[in-house]
Structures are given as structure tokens and as C-alpha cells.
C-alpha atoms as a PDB file:
ATOM      1  CA  MET A   1      47.734 -19.584  72.021  1.00  0.00           C
ATOM      2  CA  GLU A   2      45.316 -22.504  71.866  1.00  0.00           C
ATOM      3  CA  GLU A   3      42.778 -22.739  69.126  1.00  0.00           C
ATOM      4  CA  GLU A   4      39.159 -22.237  70.330  1.00  0.00           C
ATOM      5  CA  ILE A   5      37.312 -25.428  70.411  1.00  0.00           C
ATOM      6  CA  SER A   6      33.500 -25.841  70.585  1.00  0.00           C
ATOM      7  CA  GLY A   7      31.374 -28.374  72.377  1.00  0.00           C
ATOM      8  CA  LYS A   8      29.943 -29.403  69.075  1.00  0.00           C
ATOM      9  CA  GLN A   9      33.384 -30.166  67.526  1.00  0.00           C
ATOM     10  CA  VAL A  10      34.398 -32.241  70.569  1.00  0.00           C
ATOM     11  CA  GLY A  11      31.039 -33.993  70.478  1.00  0.00           C
ATOM     12  CA  ILE A  12      31.235 -34.945  66.843  1.00  0.00           C
ATOM     13  CA  LYS A  13      34.886 -36.082  67.205  1.00  0.00           C
ATOM     14  CA  TYR A  14      34.187 -38.436  70.124  1.00  0.00           C
ATOM     15  CA  GLY A  15      30.790 -39.347  68.831  1.00  0.00           C
ATOM     16  CA  LEU A  16      32.466 -40.672  65.603  1.00  0.00           C
ATOM     17  CA  LEU A  17      34.921 -42.565  67.722  1.00  0.00           C
ATOM     18  CA  LEU A  18      32.108 -44.029  69.816  1.00  0.00           C
ATOM     19  CA  GLY A  19      30.157 -44.969  66.749  1.00  0.00           C
ATOM     20  CA  LEU A  20      33.185 -46.774  65.136  1.00  0.00           C
ATOM     21  CA  THR A  21      33.873 -48.563  68.403  1.00  0.00           C
ATOM     22  CA  GLY A  22      30.263 -49.537  68.825  1.00  0.00           C
ATOM     23  CA  THR A  23      30.205 -50.835  65.248  1.00  0.00           C
ATOM     24  CA  VAL A  24      33.316 -53.000  65.789  1.00  0.00           C
ATOM     25  CA  VAL A  25      31.994 -54.252  69.164  1.00  0.00           C
ATOM     26  CA  PHE A  26      28.805 -55.388  67.309  1.00  0.00           C
ATOM     27  CA  ILE A  27      30.238 -56.632  63.992  1.00  0.00           C
ATOM     28  CA  VAL A  28      33.201 -58.682  65.243  1.00  0.00           C
ATOM     29  CA  PRO A  29      31.099 -61.025  67.420  1.00  0.00           C
ATOM     30  CA  ALA A  30      28.370 -61.113  64.742  1.00  0.00           C
ATOM     31  CA  LEU A  31      30.825 -62.213  62.098  1.00  0.00           C
ATOM     32  CA  LEU A  32      32.290 -64.838  64.543  1.00  0.00           C
ATOM     33  CA  ARG A  33      28.781 -65.920  65.486  1.00  0.00           C
ATOM     34  CA  SER A  34      29.844 -65.490  69.069  1.00  0.00           C
ATOM     35  CA  THR A  35      27.502 -65.042  71.988  1.00  0.00           C
ATOM     36  CA  PHE A  36      29.545 -63.239  74.599  1.00  0.00           C
ATOM     37  CA  PRO A  37      26.707 -62.123  76.907  1.00  0.00           C
ATOM     38  CA  ALA A  38      28.700 -59.421  78.566  1.00  0.00           C
ATOM     39  CA  MET A  39      29.742 -57.663  75.323  1.00  0.00           C
ATOM     40  CA  PHE A  40      27.307 -54.899  76.066  1.00  0.00           C
ATOM     41  CA  LEU A  41      29.408 -54.032  79.148  1.00  0.00           C
ATOM     42  CA  VAL A  42      32.394 -53.591  76.886  1.00  0.00           C
ATOM     43  CA  TYR A  43      30.481 -51.117  74.884  1.00  0.00           C
ATOM     44  CA  TRP A  44      29.221 -49.207  77.886  1.00  0.00           C
ATOM     45  CA  ALA A  45      32.753 -48.974  79.220  1.00  0.00           C
ATOM     46  CA  TYR A  46      33.823 -47.265  75.943  1.00  0.00           C
ATOM     47  CA  PHE A  47      30.757 -45.101  76.128  1.00  0.00           C
ATOM     48  CA  PHE A  48      31.923 -43.741  79.550  1.00  0.00           C
ATOM     49  CA  VAL A  49      35.516 -43.374  78.294  1.00  0.00           C
ATOM     50  CA  PHE A  50      34.511 -41.309  75.253  1.00  0.00           C
ATOM     51  CA  LEU A  51      32.137 -39.123  77.242  1.00  0.00           C
ATOM     52  CA  THR A  52      34.920 -38.502  79.813  1.00  0.00           C
ATOM     53  CA  LEU A  53      37.650 -37.837  77.250  1.00  0.00           C
ATOM     54  CA  GLY A  54      35.410 -35.470  75.238  1.00  0.00           C
ATOM     55  CA  MET A  55      34.363 -33.399  78.246  1.00  0.00           C
ATOM     56  CA  LYS A  56      37.900 -33.296  79.652  1.00  0.00           C
ATOM     57  CA  GLU A  57      39.202 -32.132  76.209  1.00  0.00           C
ATOM     58  CA  TYR A  58      36.724 -29.404  76.070  1.00  0.00           C
ATOM     59  CA  LYS A  59      37.367 -28.353  79.701  1.00  0.00           C
ATOM     60  CA  LYS A  60      41.125 -28.285  79.121  1.00  0.00           C
ATOM     61  CA  ALA A  61      40.774 -26.155  75.951  1.00  0.00           C
ATOM     62  CA  ASN A  62      38.553 -23.654  77.815  1.00  0.00           C
ATOM     63  CA  GLY A  63      40.934 -22.839  80.735  1.00  0.00           C
ATOM     64  CA  GLY A  64      39.905 -25.689  82.955  1.00  0.00           C
ATOM     65  CA  TYR A  65      36.196 -24.642  83.048  1.00  0.00           C
ATOM     66  CA  MET A  66      33.110 -26.433  81.885  1.00  0.00           C
ATOM     67  CA  SER A  67      29.533 -25.939  83.230  1.00  0.00           C
ATOM     68  CA  PHE A  68      27.260 -28.905  83.759  1.00  0.00           C
ATOM     69  CA  GLY A  69      24.989 -27.768  80.938  1.00  0.00           C
ATOM     70  CA  LYS A  70      27.925 -27.692  78.487  1.00  0.00           C
ATOM     71  CA  GLY A  71      29.124 -30.966  79.618  1.00  0.00           C
ATOM     72  CA  PHE A  72      25.632 -32.456  79.300  1.00  0.00           C
ATOM     73  CA  GLY A  73      25.313 -31.034  75.782  1.00  0.00           C
ATOM     74  CA  ILE A  74      28.695 -32.487  74.813  1.00  0.00           C
ATOM     75  CA  GLY A  75      27.604 -35.901  76.173  1.00  0.00           C
ATOM     76  CA  MET A  76      24.389 -35.763  74.221  1.00  0.00           C
ATOM     77  CA  THR A  77      26.153 -34.823  71.021  1.00  0.00           C
ATOM     78  CA  ILE A  78      28.696 -37.704  71.484  1.00  0.00           C
ATOM     79  CA  SER A  79      25.715 -40.060  72.136  1.00  0.00           C
ATOM     80  CA  LEU A  80      23.656 -38.930  69.233  1.00  0.00           C
ATOM     81  CA  VAL A  81      26.488 -39.012  66.743  1.00  0.00           C
ATOM     82  CA  GLY A  82      27.791 -42.275  68.081  1.00  0.00           C
ATOM     83  CA  GLY A  83      24.376 -43.937  68.230  1.00  0.00           C
ATOM     84  CA  LEU A  84      23.419 -42.752  64.832  1.00  0.00           C
ATOM     85  CA  LEU A  85      26.701 -44.005  63.235  1.00  0.00           C
ATOM     86  CA  ARG A  86      26.267 -47.393  65.149  1.00  0.00           C
ATOM     87  CA  ALA A  87      22.663 -47.661  64.042  1.00  0.00           C
ATOM     88  CA  ILE A  88      23.438 -47.011  60.345  1.00  0.00           C
ATOM     89  CA  MET A  89      26.314 -49.480  60.354  1.00  0.00           C
ATOM     90  CA  ARG A  90      24.191 -52.074  62.192  1.00  0.00           C
ATOM     91  CA  TYR A  91      21.482 -51.603  59.669  1.00  0.00           C
ATOM     92  CA  VAL A  92      23.857 -52.027  56.692  1.00  0.00           C
ATOM     93  CA  TYR A  93      25.398 -55.209  58.225  1.00  0.00           C
ATOM     94  CA  LEU A  94      22.005 -56.704  59.129  1.00  0.00           C
ATOM     95  CA  ALA A  95      20.720 -55.949  55.620  1.00  0.00           C
ATOM     96  CA  VAL A  96      23.776 -57.823  54.127  1.00  0.00           C
ATOM     97  CA  ASP A  97      24.168 -60.769  56.519  1.00  0.00           C
ATOM     98  CA  THR A  98      20.575 -62.053  56.634  1.00  0.00           C
ATOM     99  CA  GLU A  99      21.870 -65.417  58.062  1.00  0.00           C
ATOM    100  CA  TYR A 100      22.600 -63.518  61.326  1.00  0.00           C
ATOM    101  CA  PHE A 101      18.878 -63.511  62.168  1.00  0.00           C
ATOM    102  CA  LYS A 102      18.713 -67.330  61.828  1.00  0.00           C
ATOM    103  CA  PHE A 103      21.680 -67.433  64.254  1.00  0.00           C
ATOM    104  CA  LEU A 104      19.826 -65.231  66.690  1.00  0.00           C
ATOM    105  CA  GLU A 105      16.694 -67.349  66.439  1.00  0.00           C
ATOM    106  CA  ASP A 106      18.641 -70.483  67.099  1.00  0.00           C
ATOM    107  CA  GLN A 107      20.290 -68.876  70.132  1.00  0.00           C
ATOM    108  CA  GLN A 108      16.908 -67.772  71.499  1.00  0.00           C
ATOM    109  CA  GLN A 109      15.439 -71.303  70.970  1.00  0.00           C
ATOM    110  CA  ASN A 110      18.387 -72.740  72.884  1.00  0.00           C
ATOM    111  CA  ASN A 111      18.294 -70.146  75.675  1.00  0.00           C
ATOM    112  CA  PRO A 112      17.806 -71.831  78.953  1.00  0.00           C
ATOM    113  CA  PHE A 113      15.948 -68.808  80.282  1.00  0.00           C
ATOM    114  CA  GLY A 114      13.428 -68.707  77.378  1.00  0.00           C
ATOM    115  CA  PRO A 115       9.971 -70.192  77.578  1.00  0.00           C
ATOM    116  CA  PRO A 116       9.808 -73.943  78.038  1.00  0.00           C
ATOM    117  CA  PRO A 117       9.302 -75.802  74.786  1.00  0.00           C
ATOM    118  CA  ASP A 118       5.885 -77.090  75.813  1.00  0.00           C
ATOM    119  CA  SER A 119       4.723 -73.771  77.328  1.00  0.00           C
ATOM    120  CA  GLY A 120       2.199 -73.259  74.481  1.00  0.00           C
ATOM    121  CA  GLN A 121       3.437 -69.704  73.852  1.00  0.00           C
ATOM    122  CA  ASP A 122       4.101 -68.829  70.256  1.00  0.00           C
ATOM    123  CA  THR A 123       7.024 -66.397  70.568  1.00  0.00           C
ATOM    124  CA  THR A 124       7.856 -66.656  66.846  1.00  0.00           C
ATOM    125  CA  ALA A 125       5.800 -63.667  65.829  1.00  0.00           C
ATOM    126  CA  ILE A 126       7.154 -61.534  68.522  1.00  0.00           C
ATOM    127  CA  MET A 127      10.718 -62.551  67.723  1.00  0.00           C
ATOM    128  CA  GLU A 128      10.236 -61.885  64.010  1.00  0.00           C
ATOM    129  CA  MET A 129       8.939 -58.364  64.785  1.00  0.00           C
ATOM    130  CA  PHE A 130      12.138 -57.561  66.646  1.00  0.00           C
ATOM    131  CA  LEU A 131      14.563 -59.399  64.302  1.00  0.00           C
ATOM    132  CA  ASN A 132      14.775 -57.005  61.450  1.00  0.00           C
ATOM    133  CA  PRO A 133      17.361 -54.478  60.552  1.00  0.00           C
ATOM    134  CA  VAL A 134      15.098 -51.450  61.059  1.00  0.00           C
ATOM    135  CA  VAL A 135      13.868 -52.376  64.483  1.00  0.00           C
ATOM    136  CA  LEU A 136      17.230 -53.404  65.740  1.00  0.00           C
ATOM    137  CA  SER A 137      18.922 -50.266  64.376  1.00  0.00           C
ATOM    138  CA  ALA A 138      16.191 -48.051  65.897  1.00  0.00           C
ATOM    139  CA  MET A 139      16.583 -49.774  69.254  1.00  0.00           C
ATOM    140  CA  SER A 140      20.240 -49.186  69.006  1.00  0.00           C
ATOM    141  CA  LEU A 141      19.784 -45.468  68.468  1.00  0.00           C
ATOM    142  CA  LEU A 142      17.137 -45.221  71.206  1.00  0.00           C
ATOM    143  CA  GLY A 143      19.528 -46.943  73.619  1.00  0.00           C
ATOM    144  CA  ALA A 144      22.294 -44.466  72.777  1.00  0.00           C
ATOM    145  CA  ILE A 145      20.006 -41.594  73.385  1.00  0.00           C
ATOM    146  CA  LEU A 146      18.732 -42.880  76.729  1.00  0.00           C
ATOM    147  CA  ALA A 147      22.305 -43.739  77.757  1.00  0.00           C
ATOM    148  CA  GLY A 148      23.464 -40.306  76.746  1.00  0.00           C
ATOM    149  CA  LEU A 149      20.760 -38.710  78.967  1.00  0.00           C
ATOM    150  CA  ILE A 150      21.801 -40.785  82.022  1.00  0.00           C
ATOM    151  CA  PHE A 151      25.525 -41.239  81.562  1.00  0.00           C
ATOM    152  CA  GLY A 152      26.019 -37.774  80.074  1.00  0.00           C
ATOM    153  CA  ALA A 153      24.446 -36.285  83.255  1.00  0.00           C
ATOM    154  CA  ILE A 154      26.659 -38.419  85.540  1.00  0.00           C
ATOM    155  CA  VAL A 155      29.948 -37.717  83.692  1.00  0.00           C
ATOM    156  CA  ALA A 156      29.162 -33.971  83.369  1.00  0.00           C
ATOM    157  CA  ALA A 157      28.401 -33.749  87.043  1.00  0.00           C
ATOM    158  CA  ILE A 158      31.792 -35.308  87.846  1.00  0.00           C
ATOM    159  CA  VAL A 159      33.973 -33.430  85.262  1.00  0.00           C
ATOM    160  CA  LYS A 160      32.352 -29.991  85.454  1.00  0.00           C
ATOM    161  CA  ASN A 161      34.222 -27.079  86.913  1.00  0.00           C
ATOM    162  CA  ASP A 162      32.194 -23.788  86.901  1.00  0.00           C
ATOM    163  CA  GLU A 163      33.945 -20.544  86.659  1.00  0.00           C
ATOM    164  CA  ASP A 164      33.965 -18.404  89.815  1.00  0.00           C
ATOM    165  CA  GLU A 165      31.385 -15.651  89.682  1.00  0.00           C
ATOM    166  CA  PHE A 166      33.485 -13.167  91.469  1.00  0.00           C
END
């Protein structure tokens, strides 16, 4: 007989995996000072994978049944745990590697899509406001929560299998 598994257990398990993956996807390019613009797509792909795997594991452990609400709850738990872990690790990394902000500023200055050098706009104050560990970590957590709301609903709608009422 299979052991009972709760949505919370599954959410925490896959949330930790998502958080660790998100940390690696952030820290490796940061250490290498790489600017791979599509790296966020890699993270979102893992996001979908961990949401799907978590919901499927719960569904399998519960006789092949999972309601939309339960799936959505699992998705939000995965998102919150993963986002919180990723935000904490990002904060720690950014607090230690203060040179990374200089790298980001240099990248922004050399960005062909930024304001022209003679535009008269002083973007330094705005950039400094966003380039600190607290703000970047908070934005990371907020992004995970919003993604959990959207992607969790999508994956739960696809994976769900309600029990027959009769």
C-alpha cells in the first residue's frame, strides 16, 4: 500500500528543487559575468517542469485524481517555496559579490536599446534604486508568486482529473 502524500509535502519537495535550480540558473551566469538574454526562458521551462512533476506525483499517489483547486494549491506552494529560496540565495550572493552591480551597470550603459547617451535623461538614480540586493530579491520573489498564479492555474487545468461524483 502506498504511503499517503499531501499536497504540502509535494509542494515543498518540488519547491526546494525549483529554488535550487533557480539559484544555479542565476549564480552560474553571474559568476561567469555572462549576459545570456534568454536565460530567464531556461528558468521558466524548469518552472513548468517542476509544477507538472509535482502535480503528477500528487495525482499518482491519490489514485489518479486531483482537483483543480488542489493542483493550484500545489503549484502555489511550489512557487512560494522555490521563489523564497531563490530570493534568499540571490540576496546572499548579491550581498557578497558587490562587483556584480558594477557589471550590471556597465551592461546597461552599453545596451543598444537603452536611452541614447545624449538624451539628457539621468537614469543613474533609477538604476541605483533597482540595483541592490533587497530590491532584486524582492522582485525575484514577486515574480515567482505571479508566475505561480498564472502557470499554476494553467498546469493544474491540464493535469487535473476530478473524481466522478456518482
